[in-house]
Amino acid sequence: MLLLIVLVAIYGLIVSDNLIRKVMCLNIIESTVILTFLTTGYAHDYVAPIITETVNNYVDPIPQALMLTAIVIGVCFNSLAIAVIVKVFQKNHTLNVSELNER
């Protein structure tokens, strides 16, 4: 299912001419990669890595920490991309990639 979502987002990234749609497709790809990474790190009946005497099965906290970092980087990328898109629109009065390539 996640592969299908990624393929649709890649198709949208290739076919779309609008810059905002391209950023949205990149967001969808990023979200599915994060979701895939987190679901592969999930283990049923395992607990948080808090050391106690009675619990032996711990979940590795590194994937969650890496994905939190990826989310923060994604938010920074989105804000920068939207800022650049606003400047492009102010200068060229279009968000269409093919029209921007003609200029």
PDB file of N, CA and C in Angstrom:
ATOM      1  N   MET A   1       0.823  -1.193   0.000  1.00  0.00           N
ATOM      2  CA  MET A   1       0.000   0.000   0.000  1.00  0.00           C
ATOM      3  C   MET A   1       0.872   1.264   0.000  1.00  0.00           C
ATOM      4  N   LEU A   2       1.909   1.240   0.844  1.00  0.00           N
ATOM      5  CA  LEU A   2       2.786   2.416   0.899  1.00  0.00           C
ATOM      6  C   LEU A   2       3.559   2.591  -0.403  1.00  0.00           C
ATOM      7  N   LEU A   3       3.902   1.472  -1.032  1.00  0.00           N
ATOM      8  CA  LEU A   3       4.600   1.555  -2.321  1.00  0.00           C
ATOM      9  C   LEU A   3       3.706   2.210  -3.371  1.00  0.00           C
ATOM     10  N   LEU A   4       2.418   1.888  -3.342  1.00  0.00           N
ATOM     11  CA  LEU A   4       1.484   2.494  -4.275  1.00  0.00           C
ATOM     12  C   LEU A   4       1.390   4.007  -4.054  1.00  0.00           C
ATOM     13  N   ILE A   5       1.376   4.424  -2.798  1.00  0.00           N
ATOM     14  CA  ILE A   5       1.320   5.856  -2.484  1.00  0.00           C
ATOM     15  C   ILE A   5       2.574   6.560  -2.988  1.00  0.00           C
ATOM     16  N   VAL A   6       3.732   5.931  -2.792  1.00  0.00           N
ATOM     17  CA  VAL A   6       4.987   6.521  -3.274  1.00  0.00           C
ATOM     18  C   VAL A   6       4.992   6.609  -4.797  1.00  0.00           C
ATOM     19  N   LEU A   7       4.499   5.574  -5.454  1.00  0.00           N
ATOM     20  CA  LEU A   7       4.471   5.596  -6.918  1.00  0.00           C
ATOM     21  C   LEU A   7       3.536   6.677  -7.449  1.00  0.00           C
ATOM     22  N   VAL A   8       2.383   6.855  -6.807  1.00  0.00           N
ATOM     23  CA  VAL A   8       1.468   7.922  -7.219  1.00  0.00           C
ATOM     24  C   VAL A   8       2.120   9.290  -6.995  1.00  0.00           C
ATOM     25  N   ALA A   9       2.831   9.461  -5.871  1.00  0.00           N
ATOM     26  CA  ALA A   9       3.501  10.727  -5.597  1.00  0.00           C
ATOM     27  C   ALA A   9       4.629  10.987  -6.597  1.00  0.00           C
ATOM     28  N   ILE A  10       5.372   9.960  -6.965  1.00  0.00           N
ATOM     29  CA  ILE A  10       6.429  10.123  -7.966  1.00  0.00           C
ATOM     30  C   ILE A  10       5.824  10.479  -9.324  1.00  0.00           C
ATOM     31  N   TYR A  11       4.705   9.836  -9.661  1.00  0.00           N
ATOM     32  CA  TYR A  11       4.009  10.173 -10.902  1.00  0.00           C
ATOM     33  C   TYR A  11       3.555  11.635 -10.882  1.00  0.00           C
ATOM     34  N   GLY A  12       2.992  12.064  -9.761  1.00  0.00           N
ATOM     35  CA  GLY A  12       2.574  13.460  -9.633  1.00  0.00           C
ATOM     36  C   GLY A  12       3.746  14.418  -9.716  1.00  0.00           C
ATOM     37  N   LEU A  13       4.878  14.020  -9.171  1.00  0.00           N
ATOM     38  CA  LEU A  13       6.077  14.850  -9.223  1.00  0.00           C
ATOM     39  C   LEU A  13       6.570  15.022 -10.654  1.00  0.00           C
ATOM     40  N   ILE A  14       6.488  13.962 -11.436  1.00  0.00           N
ATOM     41  CA  ILE A  14       6.971  14.010 -12.822  1.00  0.00           C
ATOM     42  C   ILE A  14       5.986  14.744 -13.728  1.00  0.00           C
ATOM     43  N   VAL A  15       4.701  14.464 -13.561  1.00  0.00           N
ATOM     44  CA  VAL A  15       3.693  14.973 -14.489  1.00  0.00           C
ATOM     45  C   VAL A  15       3.279  16.408 -14.180  1.00  0.00           C
ATOM     46  N   SER A  16       3.242  16.778 -12.924  1.00  0.00           N
ATOM     47  CA  SER A  16       2.715  18.087 -12.538  1.00  0.00           C
ATOM     48  C   SER A  16       3.619  19.219 -13.009  1.00  0.00           C
ATOM     49  N   ASP A  17       2.981  20.308 -13.418  1.00  0.00           N
ATOM     50  CA  ASP A  17       3.720  21.497 -13.835  1.00  0.00           C
ATOM     51  C   ASP A  17       3.721  22.583 -12.769  1.00  0.00           C
ATOM     52  N   ASN A  18       2.895  22.438 -11.761  1.00  0.00           N
ATOM     53  CA  ASN A  18       2.770  23.441 -10.718  1.00  0.00           C
ATOM     54  C   ASN A  18       3.820  23.192  -9.630  1.00  0.00           C
ATOM     55  N   LEU A  19       4.503  24.246  -9.210  1.00  0.00           N
ATOM     56  CA  LEU A  19       5.561  24.100  -8.207  1.00  0.00           C
ATOM     57  C   LEU A  19       5.023  23.669  -6.840  1.00  0.00           C
ATOM     58  N   ILE A  20       3.856  24.167  -6.467  1.00  0.00           N
ATOM     59  CA  ILE A  20       3.298  23.788  -5.173  1.00  0.00           C
ATOM     60  C   ILE A  20       2.907  22.316  -5.170  1.00  0.00           C
ATOM     61  N   ARG A  21       2.368  21.822  -6.264  1.00  0.00           N
ATOM     62  CA  ARG A  21       2.038  20.395  -6.356  1.00  0.00           C
ATOM     63  C   ARG A  21       3.295  19.534  -6.270  1.00  0.00           C
ATOM     64  N   LYS A  22       4.380  20.012  -6.855  1.00  0.00           N
ATOM     65  CA  LYS A  22       5.634  19.256  -6.768  1.00  0.00           C
ATOM     66  C   LYS A  22       6.123  19.165  -5.322  1.00  0.00           C
ATOM     67  N   VAL A  23       6.017  20.255  -4.576  1.00  0.00           N
ATOM     68  CA  VAL A  23       6.410  20.241  -3.161  1.00  0.00           C
ATOM     69  C   VAL A  23       5.489  19.316  -2.365  1.00  0.00           C
ATOM     70  N   MET A  24       4.197  19.326  -2.700  1.00  0.00           N
ATOM     71  CA  MET A  24       3.263  18.437  -2.017  1.00  0.00           C
ATOM     72  C   MET A  24       3.593  16.970  -2.294  1.00  0.00           C
ATOM     73  N   CYS A  25       3.962  16.652  -3.519  1.00  0.00           N
ATOM     74  CA  CYS A  25       4.354  15.270  -3.848  1.00  0.00           C
ATOM     75  C   CYS A  25       5.616  14.866  -3.090  1.00  0.00           C
ATOM     76  N   LEU A  26       6.561  15.779  -2.968  1.00  0.00           N
ATOM     77  CA  LEU A  26       7.756  15.492  -2.174  1.00  0.00           C
ATOM     78  C   LEU A  26       7.403  15.256  -0.706  1.00  0.00           C
ATOM     79  N   ASN A  27       6.419  15.999  -0.188  1.00  0.00           N
ATOM     80  CA  ASN A  27       5.967  15.793   1.185  1.00  0.00           C
ATOM     81  C   ASN A  27       5.341  14.424   1.367  1.00  0.00           C
ATOM     82  N   ILE A  28       4.563  13.988   0.389  1.00  0.00           N
ATOM     83  CA  ILE A  28       3.943  12.664   0.464  1.00  0.00           C
ATOM     84  C   ILE A  28       5.006  11.583   0.462  1.00  0.00           C
ATOM     85  N   ILE A  29       6.012  11.725  -0.382  1.00  0.00           N
ATOM     86  CA  ILE A  29       7.098  10.741  -0.425  1.00  0.00           C
ATOM     87  C   ILE A  29       7.841  10.724   0.900  1.00  0.00           C
ATOM     88  N   GLU A  30       8.127  11.890   1.449  1.00  0.00           N
ATOM     89  CA  GLU A  30       8.825  11.968   2.733  1.00  0.00           C
ATOM     90  C   GLU A  30       8.010  11.309   3.851  1.00  0.00           C
ATOM     91  N   SER A  31       6.717  11.571   3.872  1.00  0.00           N
ATOM     92  CA  SER A  31       5.861  11.010   4.918  1.00  0.00           C
ATOM     93  C   SER A  31       5.776   9.493   4.827  1.00  0.00           C
ATOM     94  N   THR A  32       5.700   8.963   3.612  1.00  0.00           N
ATOM     95  CA  THR A  32       5.636   7.509   3.479  1.00  0.00           C
ATOM     96  C   THR A  32       6.962   6.846   3.851  1.00  0.00           C
ATOM     97  N   VAL A  33       8.059   7.495   3.549  1.00  0.00           N
ATOM     98  CA  VAL A  33       9.365   6.946   3.960  1.00  0.00           C
ATOM     99  C   VAL A  33       9.470   6.926   5.485  1.00  0.00           C
ATOM    100  N   ILE A  34       9.035   7.996   6.134  1.00  0.00           N
ATOM    101  CA  ILE A  34       9.074   8.048   7.598  1.00  0.00           C
ATOM    102  C   ILE A  34       8.163   6.989   8.188  1.00  0.00           C
ATOM    103  N   LEU A  35       6.962   6.856   7.642  1.00  0.00           N
ATOM    104  CA  LEU A  35       6.019   5.862   8.135  1.00  0.00           C
ATOM    105  C   LEU A  35       6.559   4.453   7.940  1.00  0.00           C
ATOM    106  N   THR A  36       7.179   4.192   6.806  1.00  0.00           N
ATOM    107  CA  THR A  36       7.769   2.874   6.556  1.00  0.00           C
ATOM    108  C   THR A  36       8.890   2.585   7.538  1.00  0.00           C
ATOM    109  N   PHE A  37       9.727   3.556   7.769  1.00  0.00           N
ATOM    110  CA  PHE A  37      10.845   3.367   8.688  1.00  0.00           C
ATOM    111  C   PHE A  37      10.355   3.094  10.110  1.00  0.00           C
ATOM    112  N   LEU A  38       9.325   3.816  10.534  1.00  0.00           N
ATOM    113  CA  LEU A  38       8.806   3.629  11.887  1.00  0.00           C
ATOM    114  C   LEU A  38       8.073   2.300  12.042  1.00  0.00           C
ATOM    115  N   THR A  39       7.348   1.874  11.013  1.00  0.00           N
ATOM    116  CA  THR A  39       6.641   0.599  11.130  1.00  0.00           C
ATOM    117  C   THR A  39       7.590  -0.592  11.091  1.00  0.00           C
ATOM    118  N   THR A  40       8.712  -0.468  10.425  1.00  0.00           N
ATOM    119  CA  THR A  40       9.667  -1.577  10.437  1.00  0.00           C
ATOM    120  C   THR A  40      10.392  -1.675  11.780  1.00  0.00           C
ATOM    121  N   GLY A  41      10.459  -0.578  12.514  1.00  0.00           N
ATOM    122  CA  GLY A  41      11.097  -0.600  13.826  1.00  0.00           C
ATOM    123  C   GLY A  41      10.162  -0.986  14.952  1.00  0.00           C
ATOM    124  N   TYR A  42       8.875  -1.224  14.631  1.00  0.00           N
ATOM    125  CA  TYR A  42       7.884  -1.567  15.643  1.00  0.00           C
ATOM    126  C   TYR A  42       8.022  -3.032  16.038  1.00  0.00           C
ATOM    127  N   ALA A  43       7.919  -3.309  17.311  1.00  0.00           N
ATOM    128  CA  ALA A  43       7.939  -4.683  17.811  1.00  0.00           C
ATOM    129  C   ALA A  43       6.812  -4.842  18.822  1.00  0.00           C
ATOM    130  N   HIS A  44       5.952  -5.816  18.592  1.00  0.00           N
ATOM    131  CA  HIS A  44       4.791  -6.037  19.455  1.00  0.00           C
ATOM    132  C   HIS A  44       5.237  -6.528  20.835  1.00  0.00           C
ATOM    133  N   ASP A  45       4.631  -6.002  21.864  1.00  0.00           N
ATOM    134  CA  ASP A  45       4.894  -6.358  23.272  1.00  0.00           C
ATOM    135  C   ASP A  45       6.286  -5.945  23.757  1.00  0.00           C
ATOM    136  N   TYR A  46       6.929  -5.046  23.057  1.00  0.00           N
ATOM    137  CA  TYR A  46       8.187  -4.502  23.543  1.00  0.00           C
ATOM    138  C   TYR A  46       7.891  -3.152  24.199  1.00  0.00           C
ATOM    139  N   VAL A  47       8.755  -2.718  25.092  1.00  0.00           N
ATOM    140  CA  VAL A  47       8.496  -1.498  25.852  1.00  0.00           C
ATOM    141  C   VAL A  47       9.592  -0.469  25.579  1.00  0.00           C
ATOM    142  N   ALA A  48       9.360   0.723  26.093  1.00  0.00           N
ATOM    143  CA  ALA A  48      10.346   1.797  25.962  1.00  0.00           C
ATOM    144  C   ALA A  48      11.629   1.414  26.695  1.00  0.00           C
ATOM    145  N   PRO A  49      12.758   1.925  26.248  1.00  0.00           N
ATOM    146  CA  PRO A  49      14.044   1.529  26.843  1.00  0.00           C
ATOM    147  C   PRO A  49      14.311   2.186  28.203  1.00  0.00           C
ATOM    148  N   ILE A  50      13.445   1.901  29.152  1.00  0.00           N
ATOM    149  CA  ILE A  50      13.650   2.353  30.530  1.00  0.00           C
ATOM    150  C   ILE A  50      14.101   1.132  31.323  1.00  0.00           C
ATOM    151  N   ILE A  51      15.277   1.196  31.868  1.00  0.00           N
ATOM    152  CA  ILE A  51      15.879   0.047  32.521  1.00  0.00           C
ATOM    153  C   ILE A  51      15.131  -0.283  33.815  1.00  0.00           C
ATOM    154  N   THR A  52      14.570  -1.465  33.844  1.00  0.00           N
ATOM    155  CA  THR A  52      13.959  -2.003  35.062  1.00  0.00           C
ATOM    156  C   THR A  52      14.402  -3.444  35.221  1.00  0.00           C
ATOM    157  N   GLU A  53      14.114  -4.008  36.357  1.00  0.00           N
ATOM    158  CA  GLU A  53      14.549  -5.384  36.607  1.00  0.00           C
ATOM    159  C   GLU A  53      13.634  -6.413  35.967  1.00  0.00           C
ATOM    160  N   THR A  54      12.370  -6.063  35.717  1.00  0.00           N
ATOM    161  CA  THR A  54      11.422  -7.067  35.253  1.00  0.00           C
ATOM    162  C   THR A  54      11.261  -7.112  33.738  1.00  0.00           C
ATOM    163  N   VAL A  55      11.679  -6.091  33.020  1.00  0.00           N
ATOM    164  CA  VAL A  55      11.460  -6.041  31.575  1.00  0.00           C
ATOM    165  C   VAL A  55      12.761  -6.361  30.858  1.00  0.00           C
ATOM    166  N   ASN A  56      12.651  -7.256  29.858  1.00  0.00           N
ATOM    167  CA  ASN A  56      13.830  -7.649  29.088  1.00  0.00           C
ATOM    168  C   ASN A  56      13.746  -7.247  27.617  1.00  0.00           C
ATOM    169  N   ASN A  57      12.548  -7.002  27.126  1.00  0.00           N
ATOM    170  CA  ASN A  57      12.356  -6.692  25.709  1.00  0.00           C
ATOM    171  C   ASN A  57      12.211  -5.182  25.518  1.00  0.00           C
ATOM    172  N   TYR A  58      13.219  -4.577  24.929  1.00  0.00           N
ATOM    173  CA  TYR A  58      13.229  -3.132  24.729  1.00  0.00           C
ATOM    174  C   TYR A  58      13.160  -2.812  23.241  1.00  0.00           C
ATOM    175  N   VAL A  59      12.471  -1.734  22.920  1.00  0.00           N
ATOM    176  CA  VAL A  59      12.432  -1.226  21.550  1.00  0.00           C
ATOM    177  C   VAL A  59      13.642  -0.317  21.354  1.00  0.00           C
ATOM    178  N   ASP A  60      14.252  -0.421  20.188  1.00  0.00           N
ATOM    179  CA  ASP A  60      15.396   0.432  19.879  1.00  0.00           C
ATOM    180  C   ASP A  60      14.920   1.875  19.658  1.00  0.00           C
ATOM    181  N   PRO A  61      15.422   2.852  20.415  1.00  0.00           N
ATOM    182  CA  PRO A  61      14.934   4.223  20.275  1.00  0.00           C
ATOM    183  C   PRO A  61      15.568   4.995  19.121  1.00  0.00           C
ATOM    184  N   ILE A  62      16.581   4.454  18.479  1.00  0.00           N
ATOM    185  CA  ILE A  62      17.285   5.191  17.428  1.00  0.00           C
ATOM    186  C   ILE A  62      16.406   5.475  16.208  1.00  0.00           C
ATOM    187  N   PRO A  63      15.593   4.522  15.715  1.00  0.00           N
ATOM    188  CA  PRO A  63      14.737   4.869  14.565  1.00  0.00           C
ATOM    189  C   PRO A  63      13.776   6.021  14.852  1.00  0.00           C
ATOM    190  N   GLN A  64      13.198   6.051  16.055  1.00  0.00           N
ATOM    191  CA  GLN A  64      12.294   7.146  16.384  1.00  0.00           C
ATOM    192  C   GLN A  64      13.033   8.477  16.430  1.00  0.00           C
ATOM    193  N   ALA A  65      14.218   8.480  16.987  1.00  0.00           N
ATOM    194  CA  ALA A  65      15.006   9.715  17.060  1.00  0.00           C
ATOM    195  C   ALA A  65      15.408  10.185  15.659  1.00  0.00           C
ATOM    196  N   LEU A  66      15.779   9.256  14.796  1.00  0.00           N
ATOM    197  CA  LEU A  66      16.142   9.630  13.428  1.00  0.00           C
ATOM    198  C   LEU A  66      14.946  10.185  12.661  1.00  0.00           C
ATOM    199  N   MET A  67      13.772   9.599  12.882  1.00  0.00           N
ATOM    200  CA  MET A  67      12.588  10.070  12.173  1.00  0.00           C
ATOM    201  C   MET A  67      12.115  11.418  12.703  1.00  0.00           C
ATOM    202  N   LEU A  68      12.297  11.688  13.988  1.00  0.00           N
ATOM    203  CA  LEU A  68      12.010  13.030  14.494  1.00  0.00           C
ATOM    204  C   LEU A  68      12.924  14.054  13.837  1.00  0.00           C
ATOM    205  N   THR A  69      14.170  13.697  13.661  1.00  0.00           N
ATOM    206  CA  THR A  69      15.105  14.578  12.967  1.00  0.00           C
ATOM    207  C   THR A  69      14.687  14.778  11.512  1.00  0.00           C
ATOM    208  N   ALA A  70      14.235  13.701  10.866  1.00  0.00           N
ATOM    209  CA  ALA A  70      13.783  13.808   9.475  1.00  0.00           C
ATOM    210  C   ALA A  70      12.547  14.691   9.362  1.00  0.00           C
ATOM    211  N   ILE A  71      11.657  14.628  10.348  1.00  0.00           N
ATOM    212  CA  ILE A  71      10.468  15.480  10.327  1.00  0.00           C
ATOM    213  C   ILE A  71      10.859  16.947  10.451  1.00  0.00           C
ATOM    214  N   VAL A  72      11.799  17.249  11.332  1.00  0.00           N
ATOM    215  CA  VAL A  72      12.251  18.637  11.498  1.00  0.00           C
ATOM    216  C   VAL A  72      12.920  19.139  10.224  1.00  0.00           C
ATOM    217  N   ILE A  73      13.740  18.319   9.610  1.00  0.00           N
ATOM    218  CA  ILE A  73      14.382  18.701   8.358  1.00  0.00           C
ATOM    219  C   ILE A  73      13.337  18.902   7.266  1.00  0.00           C
ATOM    220  N   GLY A  74      12.304  18.056   7.249  1.00  0.00           N
ATOM    221  CA  GLY A  74      11.228  18.199   6.273  1.00  0.00           C
ATOM    222  C   GLY A  74      10.467  19.501   6.439  1.00  0.00           C
ATOM    223  N   VAL A  75      10.202  19.893   7.684  1.00  0.00           N
ATOM    224  CA  VAL A  75       9.514  21.170   7.931  1.00  0.00           C
ATOM    225  C   VAL A  75      10.382  22.333   7.453  1.00  0.00           C
ATOM    226  N   CYS A  76      11.674  22.264   7.717  1.00  0.00           N
ATOM    227  CA  CYS A  76      12.580  23.327   7.243  1.00  0.00           C
ATOM    228  C   CYS A  76      12.612  23.378   5.720  1.00  0.00           C
ATOM    229  N   PHE A  77      12.653  22.222   5.082  1.00  0.00           N
ATOM    230  CA  PHE A  77      12.630  22.177   3.621  1.00  0.00           C
ATOM    231  C   PHE A  77      11.345  22.781   3.075  1.00  0.00           C
ATOM    232  N   ASN A  78      10.212  22.439   3.693  1.00  0.00           N
ATOM    233  CA  ASN A  78       8.924  22.964   3.219  1.00  0.00           C
ATOM    234  C   ASN A  78       8.860  24.483   3.337  1.00  0.00           C
ATOM    235  N   SER A  79       9.318  25.007   4.453  1.00  0.00           N
ATOM    236  CA  SER A  79       9.277  26.461   4.620  1.00  0.00           C
ATOM    237  C   SER A  79      10.197  27.157   3.617  1.00  0.00           C
ATOM    238  N   LEU A  80      11.362  26.600   3.380  1.00  0.00           N
ATOM    239  CA  LEU A  80      12.270  27.179   2.394  1.00  0.00           C
ATOM    240  C   LEU A  80      11.690  27.070   0.986  1.00  0.00           C
ATOM    241  N   ALA A  81      11.097  25.928   0.657  1.00  0.00           N
ATOM    242  CA  ALA A  81      10.517  25.748  -0.673  1.00  0.00           C
ATOM    243  C   ALA A  81       9.362  26.713  -0.910  1.00  0.00           C
ATOM    244  N   ILE A  82       8.503  26.891   0.088  1.00  0.00           N
ATOM    245  CA  ILE A  82       7.384  27.818  -0.069  1.00  0.00           C
ATOM    246  C   ILE A  82       7.892  29.260  -0.196  1.00  0.00           C
ATOM    247  N   ALA A  83       8.930  29.609   0.551  1.00  0.00           N
ATOM    248  CA  ALA A  83       9.500  30.955   0.440  1.00  0.00           C
ATOM    249  C   ALA A  83      10.069  31.195  -0.960  1.00  0.00           C
ATOM    250  N   VAL A  84      10.756  30.202  -1.501  1.00  0.00           N
ATOM    251  CA  VAL A  84      11.300  30.339  -2.856  1.00  0.00           C
ATOM    252  C   VAL A  84      10.172  30.414  -3.877  1.00  0.00           C
ATOM    253  N   ILE A  85       9.128  29.609  -3.687  1.00  0.00           N
ATOM    254  CA  ILE A  85       7.994  29.640  -4.617  1.00  0.00           C
ATOM    255  C   ILE A  85       7.302  30.996  -4.584  1.00  0.00           C
ATOM    256  N   VAL A  86       7.169  31.586  -3.406  1.00  0.00           N
ATOM    257  CA  VAL A  86       6.557  32.920  -3.308  1.00  0.00           C
ATOM    258  C   VAL A  86       7.395  33.939  -4.070  1.00  0.00           C
ATOM    259  N   LYS A  87       8.712  33.884  -3.914  1.00  0.00           N
ATOM    260  CA  LYS A  87       9.589  34.824  -4.629  1.00  0.00           C
ATOM    261  C   LYS A  87       9.518  34.615  -6.142  1.00  0.00           C
ATOM    262  N   VAL A  88       9.455  33.348  -6.568  1.00  0.00           N
ATOM    263  CA  VAL A  88       9.333  33.059  -8.007  1.00  0.00           C
ATOM    264  C   VAL A  88       8.018  33.614  -8.536  1.00  0.00           C
ATOM    265  N   PHE A  89       6.942  33.441  -7.775  1.00  0.00           N
ATOM    266  CA  PHE A  89       5.649  33.960  -8.220  1.00  0.00           C
ATOM    267  C   PHE A  89       5.637  35.482  -8.264  1.00  0.00           C
ATOM    268  N   GLN A  90       6.261  36.123  -7.275  1.00  0.00           N
ATOM    269  CA  GLN A  90       6.303  37.590  -7.276  1.00  0.00           C
ATOM    270  C   GLN A  90       7.082  38.130  -8.466  1.00  0.00           C
ATOM    271  N   LYS A  91       8.115  37.425  -8.860  1.00  0.00           N
ATOM    272  CA  LYS A  91       8.937  37.894  -9.970  1.00  0.00           C
ATOM    273  C   LYS A  91       8.335  37.554 -11.330  1.00  0.00           C
ATOM    274  N   ASN A  92       7.769  36.345 -11.485  1.00  0.00           N
ATOM    275  CA  ASN A  92       7.327  35.869 -12.794  1.00  0.00           C
ATOM    276  C   ASN A  92       5.811  35.793 -12.960  1.00  0.00           C
ATOM    277  N   HIS A  93       5.048  35.929 -11.903  1.00  0.00           N
ATOM    278  CA  HIS A  93       3.588  35.861 -11.926  1.00  0.00           C
ATOM    279  C   HIS A  93       3.062  34.543 -12.477  1.00  0.00           C
ATOM    280  N   THR A  94       3.786  33.470 -12.253  1.00  0.00           N
ATOM    281  CA  THR A  94       3.337  32.136 -12.633  1.00  0.00           C
ATOM    282  C   THR A  94       4.046  31.102 -11.771  1.00  0.00           C
ATOM    283  N   LEU A  95       3.385  29.946 -11.592  1.00  0.00           N
ATOM    284  CA  LEU A  95       3.993  28.823 -10.898  1.00  0.00           C
ATOM    285  C   LEU A  95       4.141  27.628 -11.828  1.00  0.00           C
ATOM    286  N   ASN A  96       3.879  27.835 -13.088  1.00  0.00           N
ATOM    287  CA  ASN A  96       3.958  26.782 -14.080  1.00  0.00           C
ATOM    288  C   ASN A  96       5.415  26.593 -14.507  1.00  0.00           C
ATOM    289  N   VAL A  97       5.914  25.388 -14.378  1.00  0.00           N
ATOM    290  CA  VAL A  97       7.331  25.106 -14.668  1.00  0.00           C
ATOM    291  C   VAL A  97       7.635  25.290 -16.138  1.00  0.00           C
ATOM    292  N   SER A  98       6.747  24.882 -17.018  1.00  0.00           N
ATOM    293  CA  SER A  98       7.024  25.024 -18.456  1.00  0.00           C
ATOM    294  C   SER A  98       7.072  26.502 -18.871  1.00  0.00           C
ATOM    295  N   GLU A  99       6.245  27.342 -18.268  1.00  0.00           N
ATOM    296  CA  GLU A  99       6.311  28.772 -18.563  1.00  0.00           C
ATOM    297  C   GLU A  99       7.594  29.388 -18.009  1.00  0.00           C
ATOM    298  N   LEU A 100       8.034  28.907 -16.856  1.00  0.00           N
ATOM    299  CA  LEU A 100       9.282  29.422 -16.285  1.00  0.00           C
ATOM    300  C   LEU A 100      10.476  29.012 -17.124  1.00  0.00           C
ATOM    301  N   ASN A 101      10.439  27.830 -17.724  1.00  0.00           N
ATOM    302  CA  ASN A 101      11.543  27.383 -18.579  1.00  0.00           C
ATOM    303  C   ASN A 101      11.625  28.173 -19.876  1.00  0.00           C
ATOM    304  N   GLU A 102      10.480  28.665 -20.343  1.00  0.00           N
ATOM    305  CA  GLU A 102      10.483  29.460 -21.588  1.00  0.00           C
ATOM    306  C   GLU A 102      11.120  30.822 -21.385  1.00  0.00           C
ATOM    307  N   ARG A 103      11.072  31.334 -20.176  1.00  0.00           N
ATOM    308  CA  ARG A 103      11.585  32.687 -19.906  1.00  0.00           C
ATOM    309  C   ARG A 103      13.052  32.701 -19.762  1.00  0.00           C
TER     310      ARG A 103
END
